[in-house]
C-alpha cells in the first residue's frame, strides 16, 4: 500500500506498507507528483509501516523516474520520516543529505508527535 494525501496548502502525507511492484511504483510516483503540484516550501510526513523490499521492476521504475522525483523534492523544505526500522530511518537521513534544499529527519514510531512538531518549524 502506498497512499499520498494532500494535508493542507503546503503539506503532503505519505503512508507506505506492504510490497511495491513496478505498476505500484508507477502509480505511487504519479500520485506523489500530482499531490505535490502547487506546493512551495512544503512539508511532508512519510510514515513507513511493515514492508517488503520492492521488486526489481519497482526499483527500475524508481531509477527511471529520478529526474521527476528530484523535481517533486524541490516543492518541499522538510520531510519527517516515521518508521519502526532503524535502517529505514538512517537511510532516509542519508538521502536527505544528497538532495539539495530538502531537510529530512527521521523519527521512531513512538515519536510521531515530535515529527509533527518538527514539521511545523
PDB file of N, CA and C in Angstrom:
ATOM      1  N   UNK A   1       0.832  -1.167   0.000  1.00  0.00           N
ATOM      2  CA  UNK A   1       0.000   0.000   0.000  1.00  0.00           C
ATOM      3  C   UNK A   1       0.885   1.242   0.000  1.00  0.00           C
ATOM      4  N   UNK A   2       0.533   2.160  -0.850  1.00  0.00           N
ATOM      5  CA  UNK A   2       1.218   3.438  -0.933  1.00  0.00           C
ATOM      6  C   UNK A   2       0.141   4.490  -1.106  1.00  0.00           C
ATOM      7  N   UNK A   3      -0.047   5.323  -0.092  1.00  0.00           N
ATOM      8  CA  UNK A   3      -1.068   6.357  -0.146  1.00  0.00           C
ATOM      9  C   UNK A   3      -0.412   7.717  -0.046  1.00  0.00           C
ATOM     10  N   UNK A   4      -0.889   8.628  -0.882  1.00  0.00           N
ATOM     11  CA  UNK A   4      -0.419  10.010  -0.849  1.00  0.00           C
ATOM     12  C   UNK A   4      -1.641  10.884  -0.633  1.00  0.00           C
ATOM     13  N   UNK A   5      -1.614  11.702   0.419  1.00  0.00           N
ATOM     14  CA  UNK A   5      -2.759  12.553   0.745  1.00  0.00           C
ATOM     15  C   UNK A   5      -2.288  13.991   0.907  1.00  0.00           C
ATOM     16  N   UNK A   6      -2.981  14.895   0.254  1.00  0.00           N
ATOM     17  CA  UNK A   6      -2.711  16.324   0.462  1.00  0.00           C
ATOM     18  C   UNK A   6      -3.312  16.684   1.808  1.00  0.00           C
ATOM     19  N   UNK A   7      -2.528  17.335   2.655  1.00  0.00           N
ATOM     20  CA  UNK A   7      -2.953  17.676   4.005  1.00  0.00           C
ATOM     21  C   UNK A   7      -2.741  19.179   4.201  1.00  0.00           C
ATOM     22  N   UNK A   8      -3.605  19.975   3.605  1.00  0.00           N
ATOM     23  CA  UNK A   8      -3.472  21.416   3.690  1.00  0.00           C
ATOM     24  C   UNK A   8      -2.787  21.979   2.467  1.00  0.00           C
ATOM     25  N   UNK A   9      -2.515  23.274   2.543  1.00  0.00           N
ATOM     26  CA  UNK A   9      -1.981  24.004   1.398  1.00  0.00           C
ATOM     27  C   UNK A   9      -0.565  23.586   1.023  1.00  0.00           C
ATOM     28  N   UNK A  10       0.283  23.329   2.015  1.00  0.00           N
ATOM     29  CA  UNK A  10       1.698  23.055   1.751  1.00  0.00           C
ATOM     30  C   UNK A  10       2.194  21.770   2.397  1.00  0.00           C
ATOM     31  N   UNK A  11       1.319  20.795   2.475  1.00  0.00           N
ATOM     32  CA  UNK A  11       1.741  19.547   3.116  1.00  0.00           C
ATOM     33  C   UNK A  11       1.176  18.340   2.383  1.00  0.00           C
ATOM     34  N   UNK A  12       2.009  17.306   2.341  1.00  0.00           N
ATOM     35  CA  UNK A  12       1.622  16.005   1.800  1.00  0.00           C
ATOM     36  C   UNK A  12       1.982  14.953   2.830  1.00  0.00           C
ATOM     37  N   UNK A  13       1.061  14.024   3.062  1.00  0.00           N
ATOM     38  CA  UNK A  13       1.320  12.887   3.940  1.00  0.00           C
ATOM     39  C   UNK A  13       1.384  11.634   3.078  1.00  0.00           C
ATOM     40  N   UNK A  14       2.384  10.816   3.332  1.00  0.00           N
ATOM     41  CA  UNK A  14       2.577   9.576   2.579  1.00  0.00           C
ATOM     42  C   UNK A  14       2.594   8.423   3.567  1.00  0.00           C
ATOM     43  N   UNK A  15       1.884   7.356   3.225  1.00  0.00           N
ATOM     44  CA  UNK A  15       1.927   6.127   4.022  1.00  0.00           C
ATOM     45  C   UNK A  15       2.333   4.984   3.110  1.00  0.00           C
ATOM     46  N   UNK A  16       3.314   4.214   3.580  1.00  0.00           N
ATOM     47  CA  UNK A  16       3.806   3.086   2.794  1.00  0.00           C
ATOM     48  C   UNK A  16       3.901   1.853   3.675  1.00  0.00           C
ATOM     49  N   UNK A  17       3.354   0.772   3.161  1.00  0.00           N
ATOM     50  CA  UNK A  17       3.458  -0.532   3.825  1.00  0.00           C
ATOM     51  C   UNK A  17       3.243  -1.604   2.754  1.00  0.00           C
ATOM     52  N   UNK A  18       3.682  -2.799   3.030  1.00  0.00           N
ATOM     53  CA  UNK A  18       3.482  -3.887   2.087  1.00  0.00           C
ATOM     54  C   UNK A  18       4.623  -4.004   1.102  1.00  0.00           C
ATOM     55  N   UNK A  19       4.280  -4.343  -0.146  1.00  0.00           N
ATOM     56  CA  UNK A  19       5.287  -4.553  -1.180  1.00  0.00           C
ATOM     57  C   UNK A  19       4.889  -3.796  -2.434  1.00  0.00           C
ATOM     58  N   UNK A  20       5.864  -3.167  -3.067  1.00  0.00           N
ATOM     59  CA  UNK A  20       5.616  -2.444  -4.312  1.00  0.00           C
ATOM     60  C   UNK A  20       6.210  -3.213  -5.482  1.00  0.00           C
ATOM     61  N   UNK A  21       5.391  -3.401  -6.522  1.00  0.00           N
ATOM     62  CA  UNK A  21       5.891  -3.934  -7.779  1.00  0.00           C
ATOM     63  C   UNK A  21       6.032  -2.770  -8.753  1.00  0.00           C
ATOM     64  N   UNK A  22       6.383  -3.045 -10.000  1.00  0.00           N
ATOM     65  CA  UNK A  22       6.632  -1.961 -10.950  1.00  0.00           C
ATOM     66  C   UNK A  22       5.381  -1.121 -11.193  1.00  0.00           C
ATOM     67  N   UNK A  23       4.224  -1.739 -11.314  1.00  0.00           N
ATOM     68  CA  UNK A  23       2.985  -0.998 -11.525  1.00  0.00           C
ATOM     69  C   UNK A  23       2.657  -0.125 -10.313  1.00  0.00           C
ATOM     70  N   UNK A  24       2.797  -0.671  -9.120  1.00  0.00           N
ATOM     71  CA  UNK A  24       2.554   0.081  -7.905  1.00  0.00           C
ATOM     72  C   UNK A  24       3.499   1.266  -7.771  1.00  0.00           C
ATOM     73  N   UNK A  25       4.748   1.085  -8.178  1.00  0.00           N
ATOM     74  CA  UNK A  25       5.724   2.170  -8.108  1.00  0.00           C
ATOM     75  C   UNK A  25       5.342   3.293  -9.071  1.00  0.00           C
ATOM     76  N   UNK A  26       4.906   2.932 -10.293  1.00  0.00           N
ATOM     77  CA  UNK A  26       4.480   3.955 -11.256  1.00  0.00           C
ATOM     78  C   UNK A  26       3.324   4.765 -10.694  1.00  0.00           C
ATOM     79  N   UNK A  27       2.352   4.081 -10.121  1.00  0.00           N
ATOM     80  CA  UNK A  27       1.188   4.759  -9.539  1.00  0.00           C
ATOM     81  C   UNK A  27       1.618   5.661  -8.387  1.00  0.00           C
ATOM     82  N   UNK A  28       2.500   5.165  -7.533  1.00  0.00           N
ATOM     83  CA  UNK A  28       2.967   5.933  -6.378  1.00  0.00           C
ATOM     84  C   UNK A  28       3.682   7.208  -6.813  1.00  0.00           C
ATOM     85  N   UNK A  29       4.550   7.115  -7.804  1.00  0.00           N
ATOM     86  CA  UNK A  29       5.291   8.281  -8.282  1.00  0.00           C
ATOM     87  C   UNK A  29       4.331   9.288  -8.908  1.00  0.00           C
ATOM     88  N   UNK A  30       3.370   8.811  -9.686  1.00  0.00           N
ATOM     89  CA  UNK A  30       2.381   9.713 -10.288  1.00  0.00           C
ATOM     90  C   UNK A  30       1.551  10.417  -9.223  1.00  0.00           C
ATOM     91  N   UNK A  31       1.124   9.678  -8.206  1.00  0.00           N
ATOM     92  CA  UNK A  31       0.328  10.277  -7.121  1.00  0.00           C
ATOM     93  C   UNK A  31       1.136  11.332  -6.376  1.00  0.00           C
ATOM     94  N   UNK A  32       2.374  11.014  -6.093  1.00  0.00           N
ATOM     95  CA  UNK A  32       3.235  11.957  -5.392  1.00  0.00           C
ATOM     96  C   UNK A  32       3.419  13.233  -6.216  1.00  0.00           C
ATOM     97  N   UNK A  33       3.637  13.073  -7.503  1.00  0.00           N
ATOM     98  CA  UNK A  33       3.800  14.228  -8.386  1.00  0.00           C
ATOM     99  C   UNK A  33       2.529  15.073  -8.421  1.00  0.00           C
ATOM    100  N   UNK A  34       1.389  14.432  -8.601  1.00  0.00           N
ATOM    101  CA  UNK A  34       0.114  15.154  -8.677  1.00  0.00           C
ATOM    102  C   UNK A  34      -0.227  15.881  -7.384  1.00  0.00           C
ATOM    103  N   UNK A  35      -0.061  15.211  -6.256  1.00  0.00           N
ATOM    104  CA  UNK A  35      -0.431  15.801  -4.969  1.00  0.00           C
ATOM    105  C   UNK A  35       0.560  16.888  -4.536  1.00  0.00           C
ATOM    106  N   UNK A  36       1.734  16.939  -5.164  1.00  0.00           N
ATOM    107  CA  UNK A  36       2.742  17.939  -4.811  1.00  0.00           C
ATOM    108  C   UNK A  36       2.642  19.199  -5.664  1.00  0.00           C
ATOM    109  N   UNK A  37       1.854  19.160  -6.715  1.00  0.00           N
ATOM    110  CA  UNK A  37       1.737  20.316  -7.605  1.00  0.00           C
ATOM    111  C   UNK A  37       1.247  21.543  -6.844  1.00  0.00           C
ATOM    112  N   UNK A  38       1.888  22.666  -7.105  1.00  0.00           N
ATOM    113  CA  UNK A  38       1.489  23.919  -6.491  1.00  0.00           C
ATOM    114  C   UNK A  38       2.044  24.165  -5.099  1.00  0.00           C
ATOM    115  N   UNK A  39       2.731  23.211  -4.543  1.00  0.00           N
ATOM    116  CA  UNK A  39       3.305  23.376  -3.207  1.00  0.00           C
ATOM    117  C   UNK A  39       4.643  24.099  -3.315  1.00  0.00           C
ATOM    118  N   UNK A  40       4.834  25.070  -2.439  1.00  0.00           N
ATOM    119  CA  UNK A  40       6.124  25.750  -2.311  1.00  0.00           C
ATOM    120  C   UNK A  40       6.520  25.732  -0.843  1.00  0.00           C
ATOM    121  N   UNK A  41       7.772  25.450  -0.582  1.00  0.00           N
ATOM    122  CA  UNK A  41       8.286  25.372   0.796  1.00  0.00           C
ATOM    123  C   UNK A  41       7.428  24.409   1.621  1.00  0.00           C
ATOM    124  N   UNK A  42       7.137  23.262   1.035  1.00  0.00           N
ATOM    125  CA  UNK A  42       6.237  22.301   1.642  1.00  0.00           C
ATOM    126  C   UNK A  42       6.860  21.452   2.725  1.00  0.00           C
ATOM    127  N   UNK A  43       5.985  20.724   3.350  1.00  0.00           N
ATOM    128  CA  UNK A  43       6.329  19.767   4.402  1.00  0.00           C
ATOM    129  C   UNK A  43       5.744  18.418   4.010  1.00  0.00           C
ATOM    130  N   UNK A  44       6.451  17.352   4.355  1.00  0.00           N
ATOM    131  CA  UNK A  44       5.963  16.007   4.068  1.00  0.00           C
ATOM    132  C   UNK A  44       6.144  15.134   5.298  1.00  0.00           C
ATOM    133  N   UNK A  45       5.090  14.427   5.652  1.00  0.00           N
ATOM    134  CA  UNK A  45       5.166  13.409   6.701  1.00  0.00           C
ATOM    135  C   UNK A  45       5.098  12.071   5.999  1.00  0.00           C
ATOM    136  N   UNK A  46       6.132  11.272   6.167  1.00  0.00           N
ATOM    137  CA  UNK A  46       6.251   9.991   5.473  1.00  0.00           C
ATOM    138  C   UNK A  46       6.242   8.891   6.521  1.00  0.00           C
ATOM    139  N   UNK A  47       5.151   8.141   6.597  1.00  0.00           N
ATOM    140  CA  UNK A  47       5.021   7.029   7.551  1.00  0.00           C
ATOM    141  C   UNK A  47       5.357   5.720   6.838  1.00  0.00           C
ATOM    142  N   UNK A  48       6.286   4.979   7.410  1.00  0.00           N
ATOM    143  CA  UNK A  48       6.700   3.709   6.834  1.00  0.00           C
ATOM    144  C   UNK A  48       6.292   2.597   7.795  1.00  0.00           C
ATOM    145  N   UNK A  49       5.366   1.766   7.349  1.00  0.00           N
ATOM    146  CA  UNK A  49       4.920   0.640   8.163  1.00  0.00           C
ATOM    147  C   UNK A  49       5.718  -0.609   7.823  1.00  0.00           C
ATOM    148  N   UNK A  50       5.152  -1.767   8.113  1.00  0.00           N
ATOM    149  CA  UNK A  50       5.806  -3.030   7.760  1.00  0.00           C
ATOM    150  C   UNK A  50       5.797  -3.172   6.247  1.00  0.00           C
ATOM    151  N   UNK A  51       6.937  -3.499   5.697  1.00  0.00           N
ATOM    152  CA  UNK A  51       7.016  -3.619   4.250  1.00  0.00           C
ATOM    153  C   UNK A  51       8.052  -4.652   3.856  1.00  0.00           C
ATOM    154  N   UNK A  52       7.919  -5.083   2.616  1.00  0.00           N
ATOM    155  CA  UNK A  52       8.916  -5.942   1.991  1.00  0.00           C
ATOM    156  C   UNK A  52       9.687  -5.081   1.012  1.00  0.00           C
ATOM    157  N   UNK A  53      10.898  -5.459   0.715  1.00  0.00           N
ATOM    158  CA  UNK A  53      11.672  -4.691  -0.253  1.00  0.00           C
ATOM    159  C   UNK A  53      10.940  -4.681  -1.588  1.00  0.00           C
ATOM    160  N   UNK A  54      11.023  -3.565  -2.337  1.00  0.00           N
ATOM    161  CA  UNK A  54      10.355  -3.503  -3.638  1.00  0.00           C
ATOM    162  C   UNK A  54      10.933  -4.538  -4.596  1.00  0.00           C
ATOM    163  N   UNK A  55      10.141  -4.905  -5.586  1.00  0.00           N
ATOM    164  CA  UNK A  55      10.619  -5.835  -6.610  1.00  0.00           C
ATOM    165  C   UNK A  55      11.687  -5.144  -7.451  1.00  0.00           C
ATOM    166  N   UNK A  56      12.450  -5.930  -8.205  1.00  0.00           N
ATOM    167  CA  UNK A  56      13.455  -5.344  -9.091  1.00  0.00           C
ATOM    168  C   UNK A  56      12.802  -4.435 -10.121  1.00  0.00           C
ATOM    169  N   UNK A  57      11.617  -4.813 -10.587  1.00  0.00           N
ATOM    170  CA  UNK A  57      10.888  -3.976 -11.527  1.00  0.00           C
ATOM    171  C   UNK A  57      10.535  -2.634 -10.922  1.00  0.00           C
ATOM    172  N   UNK A  58      10.140  -2.636  -9.658  1.00  0.00           N
ATOM    173  CA  UNK A  58       9.796  -1.385  -8.973  1.00  0.00           C
ATOM    174  C   UNK A  58      11.031  -0.506  -8.823  1.00  0.00           C
ATOM    175  N   UNK A  59      12.155  -1.101  -8.511  1.00  0.00           N
ATOM    176  CA  UNK A  59      13.399  -0.336  -8.381  1.00  0.00           C
ATOM    177  C   UNK A  59      13.782   0.266  -9.732  1.00  0.00           C
ATOM    178  N   UNK A  60      13.616  -0.512 -10.803  1.00  0.00           N
ATOM    179  CA  UNK A  60      13.919   0.005 -12.145  1.00  0.00           C
ATOM    180  C   UNK A  60      13.029   1.192 -12.493  1.00  0.00           C
ATOM    181  N   UNK A  61      11.751   1.109 -12.130  1.00  0.00           N
ATOM    182  CA  UNK A  61      10.832   2.221 -12.388  1.00  0.00           C
ATOM    183  C   UNK A  61      11.279   3.449 -11.600  1.00  0.00           C
ATOM    184  N   UNK A  62      11.625   3.255 -10.324  1.00  0.00           N
ATOM    185  CA  UNK A  62      12.059   4.378  -9.497  1.00  0.00           C
ATOM    186  C   UNK A  62      13.315   5.021 -10.087  1.00  0.00           C
ATOM    187  N   UNK A  63      14.274   4.225 -10.489  1.00  0.00           N
ATOM    188  CA  UNK A  63      15.505   4.764 -11.067  1.00  0.00           C
ATOM    189  C   UNK A  63      15.228   5.528 -12.359  1.00  0.00           C
ATOM    190  N   UNK A  64      14.293   5.037 -13.152  1.00  0.00           N
ATOM    191  CA  UNK A  64      13.979   5.717 -14.413  1.00  0.00           C
ATOM    192  C   UNK A  64      13.238   7.032 -14.184  1.00  0.00           C
ATOM    193  N   UNK A  65      12.690   7.226 -12.981  1.00  0.00           N
ATOM    194  CA  UNK A  65      11.953   8.446 -12.667  1.00  0.00           C
ATOM    195  C   UNK A  65      12.725   9.387 -11.728  1.00  0.00           C
ATOM    196  N   UNK A  66      14.018   9.177 -11.576  1.00  0.00           N
ATOM    197  CA  UNK A  66      14.799  10.014 -10.665  1.00  0.00           C
ATOM    198  C   UNK A  66      14.688  11.505 -11.003  1.00  0.00           C
ATOM    199  N   UNK A  67      14.792  11.912 -12.270  1.00  0.00           N
ATOM    200  CA  UNK A  67      14.642  13.351 -12.548  1.00  0.00           C
ATOM    201  C   UNK A  67      13.283  13.893 -12.087  1.00  0.00           C
ATOM    202  N   UNK A  68      12.240  13.138 -12.300  1.00  0.00           N
ATOM    203  CA  UNK A  68      10.893  13.542 -11.868  1.00  0.00           C
ATOM    204  C   UNK A  68      10.836  13.625 -10.341  1.00  0.00           C
ATOM    205  N   UNK A  69      11.444  12.674  -9.648  1.00  0.00           N
ATOM    206  CA  UNK A  69      11.441  12.680  -8.183  1.00  0.00           C
ATOM    207  C   UNK A  69      12.219  13.872  -7.627  1.00  0.00           C
ATOM    208  N   UNK A  70      13.308  14.265  -8.290  1.00  0.00           N
ATOM    209  CA  UNK A  70      14.033  15.452  -7.851  1.00  0.00           C
ATOM    210  C   UNK A  70      13.184  16.709  -8.048  1.00  0.00           C
ATOM    211  N   UNK A  71      12.399  16.762  -9.129  1.00  0.00           N
ATOM    212  CA  UNK A  71      11.502  17.907  -9.331  1.00  0.00           C
ATOM    213  C   UNK A  71      10.454  17.955  -8.229  1.00  0.00           C
ATOM    214  N   UNK A  72       9.938  16.813  -7.834  1.00  0.00           N
ATOM    215  CA  UNK A  72       8.967  16.762  -6.733  1.00  0.00           C
ATOM    216  C   UNK A  72       9.629  17.234  -5.440  1.00  0.00           C
ATOM    217  N   UNK A  73      10.846  16.787  -5.190  1.00  0.00           N
ATOM    218  CA  UNK A  73      11.548  17.145  -3.950  1.00  0.00           C
ATOM    219  C   UNK A  73      11.742  18.649  -3.828  1.00  0.00           C
ATOM    220  N   UNK A  74      11.844  19.360  -4.948  1.00  0.00           N
ATOM    221  CA  UNK A  74      12.036  20.811  -4.905  1.00  0.00           C
ATOM    222  C   UNK A  74      10.841  21.551  -4.311  1.00  0.00           C
ATOM    223  N   UNK A  75       9.691  20.898  -4.252  1.00  0.00           N
ATOM    224  CA  UNK A  75       8.499  21.509  -3.668  1.00  0.00           C
ATOM    225  C   UNK A  75       8.569  21.544  -2.136  1.00  0.00           C
ATOM    226  N   UNK A  76       9.487  20.794  -1.564  1.00  0.00           N
ATOM    227  CA  UNK A  76       9.499  20.588  -0.114  1.00  0.00           C
ATOM    228  C   UNK A  76      10.791  21.082   0.520  1.00  0.00           C
ATOM    229  N   UNK A  77      10.644  21.641   1.730  1.00  0.00           N
ATOM    230  CA  UNK A  77      11.788  22.055   2.526  1.00  0.00           C
ATOM    231  C   UNK A  77      12.110  21.024   3.612  1.00  0.00           C
ATOM    232  N   UNK A  78      11.063  20.376   4.129  1.00  0.00           N
ATOM    233  CA  UNK A  78      11.235  19.423   5.237  1.00  0.00           C
ATOM    234  C   UNK A  78      10.426  18.158   5.002  1.00  0.00           C
ATOM    235  N   UNK A  79      11.046  17.043   5.392  1.00  0.00           N
ATOM    236  CA  UNK A  79      10.352  15.761   5.369  1.00  0.00           C
ATOM    237  C   UNK A  79      10.660  15.039   6.676  1.00  0.00           C
ATOM    238  N   UNK A  80       9.603  14.639   7.369  1.00  0.00           N
ATOM    239  CA  UNK A  80       9.752  13.830   8.575  1.00  0.00           C
ATOM    240  C   UNK A  80       9.407  12.393   8.207  1.00  0.00           C
ATOM    241  N   UNK A  81      10.313  11.483   8.484  1.00  0.00           N
ATOM    242  CA  UNK A  81      10.098  10.063   8.207  1.00  0.00           C
ATOM    243  C   UNK A  81       9.865   9.358   9.536  1.00  0.00           C
ATOM    244  N   UNK A  82       8.708   8.726   9.656  1.00  0.00           N
ATOM    245  CA  UNK A  82       8.357   7.987  10.865  1.00  0.00           C
ATOM    246  C   UNK A  82       8.391   6.507  10.507  1.00  0.00           C
ATOM    247  N   UNK A  83       9.304   5.776  11.129  1.00  0.00           N
ATOM    248  CA  UNK A  83       9.484   4.360  10.787  1.00  0.00           C
ATOM    249  C   UNK A  83       9.943   3.575  12.004  1.00  0.00           C
ATOM    250  N   UNK A  84       9.572   2.318  12.041  1.00  0.00           N
ATOM    251  CA  UNK A  84       9.952   1.453  13.139  1.00  0.00           C
ATOM    252  C   UNK A  84      11.334   0.846  12.981  1.00  0.00           C
ATOM    253  N   UNK A  85      11.811   0.756  11.750  1.00  0.00           N
ATOM    254  CA  UNK A  85      13.098   0.117  11.499  1.00  0.00           C
ATOM    255  C   UNK A  85      14.212   1.163  11.466  1.00  0.00           C
ATOM    256  N   UNK A  86      15.243   0.917  12.251  1.00  0.00           N
ATOM    257  CA  UNK A  86      16.359   1.854  12.349  1.00  0.00           C
ATOM    258  C   UNK A  86      17.061   2.092  11.028  1.00  0.00           C
ATOM    259  N   UNK A  87      17.223   1.051  10.223  1.00  0.00           N
ATOM    260  CA  UNK A  87      17.933   1.229   8.956  1.00  0.00           C
ATOM    261  C   UNK A  87      17.139   2.110   7.992  1.00  0.00           C
ATOM    262  N   UNK A  88      15.804   2.082   8.073  1.00  0.00           N
ATOM    263  CA  UNK A  88      14.977   2.950   7.227  1.00  0.00           C
ATOM    264  C   UNK A  88      15.177   4.400   7.648  1.00  0.00           C
ATOM    265  N   UNK A  89      15.200   4.629   8.957  1.00  0.00           N
ATOM    266  CA  UNK A  89      15.410   5.994   9.454  1.00  0.00           C
ATOM    267  C   UNK A  89      16.778   6.518   9.026  1.00  0.00           C
ATOM    268  N   UNK A  90      17.804   5.706   9.156  1.00  0.00           N
ATOM    269  CA  UNK A  90      19.164   6.123   8.798  1.00  0.00           C
ATOM    270  C   UNK A  90      19.279   6.379   7.296  1.00  0.00           C
ATOM    271  N   UNK A  91      18.725   5.484   6.493  1.00  0.00           N
ATOM    272  CA  UNK A  91      18.761   5.646   5.042  1.00  0.00           C
ATOM    273  C   UNK A  91      18.055   6.927   4.615  1.00  0.00           C
ATOM    274  N   UNK A  92      16.951   7.243   5.267  1.00  0.00           N
ATOM    275  CA  UNK A  92      16.201   8.459   4.942  1.00  0.00           C
ATOM    276  C   UNK A  92      17.050   9.700   5.182  1.00  0.00           C
ATOM    277  N   UNK A  93      17.763   9.731   6.289  1.00  0.00           N
ATOM    278  CA  UNK A  93      18.589  10.892   6.593  1.00  0.00           C
ATOM    279  C   UNK A  93      19.764  11.007   5.633  1.00  0.00           C
ATOM    280  N   UNK A  94      20.317   9.880   5.197  1.00  0.00           N
ATOM    281  CA  UNK A  94      21.396   9.905   4.202  1.00  0.00           C
ATOM    282  C   UNK A  94      20.860  10.465   2.889  1.00  0.00           C
ATOM    283  N   UNK A  95      19.659  10.030   2.478  1.00  0.00           N
ATOM    284  CA  UNK A  95      19.050  10.559   1.260  1.00  0.00           C
ATOM    285  C   UNK A  95      18.865  12.065   1.368  1.00  0.00           C
ATOM    286  N   UNK A  96      18.468  12.535   2.543  1.00  0.00           N
ATOM    287  CA  UNK A  96      18.282  13.959   2.744  1.00  0.00           C
ATOM    288  C   UNK A  96      19.562  14.747   2.530  1.00  0.00           C
ATOM    289  N   UNK A  97      20.677  14.161   2.878  1.00  0.00           N
ATOM    290  CA  UNK A  97      21.963  14.828   2.677  1.00  0.00           C
ATOM    291  C   UNK A  97      22.312  14.930   1.196  1.00  0.00           C
ATOM    292  N   UNK A  98      21.706  14.090   0.379  1.00  0.00           N
ATOM    293  CA  UNK A  98      22.008  14.069  -1.052  1.00  0.00           C
ATOM    294  C   UNK A  98      21.067  14.946  -1.882  1.00  0.00           C
ATOM    295  N   UNK A  99      19.993  15.432  -1.280  1.00  0.00           N
ATOM    296  CA  UNK A  99      19.005  16.225  -2.015  1.00  0.00           C
ATOM    297  C   UNK A  99      19.111  17.673  -1.549  1.00  0.00           C
ATOM    298  N   UNK A 100      19.644  18.536  -2.404  1.00  0.00           N
ATOM    299  CA  UNK A 100      19.816  19.937  -2.018  1.00  0.00           C
ATOM    300  C   UNK A 100      18.478  20.599  -1.665  1.00  0.00           C
ATOM    301  N   UNK A 101      18.479  21.353  -0.580  1.00  0.00           N
ATOM    302  CA  UNK A 101      17.301  22.111  -0.192  1.00  0.00           C
ATOM    303  C   UNK A 101      16.256  21.344   0.585  1.00  0.00           C
ATOM    304  N   UNK A 102      16.436  20.038   0.758  1.00  0.00           N
ATOM    305  CA  UNK A 102      15.464  19.223   1.486  1.00  0.00           C
ATOM    306  C   UNK A 102      16.105  18.712   2.772  1.00  0.00           C
ATOM    307  N   UNK A 103      15.481  19.060   3.873  1.00  0.00           N
ATOM    308  CA  UNK A 103      15.950  18.601   5.186  1.00  0.00           C
ATOM    309  C   UNK A 103      15.083  17.410   5.584  1.00  0.00           C
ATOM    310  N   UNK A 104      15.709  16.267   5.832  1.00  0.00           N
ATOM    311  CA  UNK A 104      14.986  15.062   6.244  1.00  0.00           C
ATOM    312  C   UNK A 104      15.436  14.683   7.642  1.00  0.00           C
ATOM    313  N   UNK A 105      14.456  14.461   8.500  1.00  0.00           N
ATOM    314  CA  UNK A 105      14.743  13.991   9.854  1.00  0.00           C
ATOM    315  C   UNK A 105      13.860  12.780  10.100  1.00  0.00           C
ATOM    316  N   UNK A 106      14.426  11.767  10.744  1.00  0.00           N
ATOM    317  CA  UNK A 106      13.663  10.545  10.978  1.00  0.00           C
ATOM    318  C   UNK A 106      13.291  10.407  12.449  1.00  0.00           C
ATOM    319  N   UNK A 107      12.196   9.698  12.656  1.00  0.00           N
ATOM    320  CA  UNK A 107      11.635   9.504  13.990  1.00  0.00           C
ATOM    321  C   UNK A 107      11.159   8.066  14.131  1.00  0.00           C
ATOM    322  N   UNK A 108      11.217   7.548  15.349  1.00  0.00           N
ATOM    323  CA  UNK A 108      10.679   6.233  15.662  1.00  0.00           C
ATOM    324  C   UNK A 108       9.151   6.320  15.652  1.00  0.00           C
ATOM    325  N   UNK A 109       8.504   5.174  15.550  1.00  0.00           N
ATOM    326  CA  UNK A 109       7.036   5.144  15.533  1.00  0.00           C
ATOM    327  C   UNK A 109       6.418   5.838  16.740  1.00  0.00           C
ATOM    328  N   UNK A 110       7.081   5.751  17.876  1.00  0.00           N
ATOM    329  CA  UNK A 110       6.550   6.355  19.095  1.00  0.00           C
ATOM    330  C   UNK A 110       6.752   7.871  19.132  1.00  0.00           C
ATOM    331  N   UNK A 111       7.399   8.431  18.118  1.00  0.00           N
ATOM    332  CA  UNK A 111       7.728   9.858  18.116  1.00  0.00           C
ATOM    333  C   UNK A 111       6.956  10.654  17.061  1.00  0.00           C
ATOM    334  N   UNK A 112       5.782  10.186  16.699  1.00  0.00           N
ATOM    335  CA  UNK A 112       5.045  10.891  15.651  1.00  0.00           C
ATOM    336  C   UNK A 112       4.685  12.321  16.065  1.00  0.00           C
ATOM    337  N   UNK A 113       4.358  12.543  17.327  1.00  0.00           N
ATOM    338  CA  UNK A 113       4.059  13.909  17.788  1.00  0.00           C
ATOM    339  C   UNK A 113       5.284  14.810  17.622  1.00  0.00           C
ATOM    340  N   UNK A 114       6.475  14.291  17.898  1.00  0.00           N
ATOM    341  CA  UNK A 114       7.691  15.062  17.717  1.00  0.00           C
ATOM    342  C   UNK A 114       7.925  15.361  16.233  1.00  0.00           C
ATOM    343  N   UNK A 115       7.619  14.390  15.379  1.00  0.00           N
ATOM    344  CA  UNK A 115       7.758  14.594  13.931  1.00  0.00           C
ATOM    345  C   UNK A 115       6.825  15.712  13.463  1.00  0.00           C
ATOM    346  N   UNK A 116       5.603  15.692  13.936  1.00  0.00           N
ATOM    347  CA  UNK A 116       4.630  16.741  13.584  1.00  0.00           C
ATOM    348  C   UNK A 116       5.141  18.105  14.037  1.00  0.00           C
ATOM    349  N   UNK A 117       5.660  18.173  15.267  1.00  0.00           N
ATOM    350  CA  UNK A 117       6.172  19.441  15.807  1.00  0.00           C
ATOM    351  C   UNK A 117       7.356  19.942  14.977  1.00  0.00           C
ATOM    352  N   UNK A 118       8.249  19.037  14.599  1.00  0.00           N
ATOM    353  CA  UNK A 118       9.416  19.422  13.807  1.00  0.00           C
ATOM    354  C   UNK A 118       8.998  19.963  12.444  1.00  0.00           C
ATOM    355  N   UNK A 119       7.979  19.377  11.850  1.00  0.00           N
ATOM    356  CA  UNK A 119       7.497  19.859  10.563  1.00  0.00           C
ATOM    357  C   UNK A 119       6.957  21.282  10.645  1.00  0.00           C
ATOM    358  N   UNK A 120       6.460  21.672  11.794  1.00  0.00           N
ATOM    359  CA  UNK A 120       5.857  22.996  11.951  1.00  0.00           C
ATOM    360  C   UNK A 120       6.873  24.122  12.036  1.00  0.00           C
ATOM    361  N   UNK A 121       8.136  23.818  12.306  1.00  0.00           N
ATOM    362  CA  UNK A 121       9.164  24.872  12.451  1.00  0.00           C
ATOM    363  C   UNK A 121       9.398  25.573  11.136  1.00  0.00           C
TER     364      UNK A 121
END
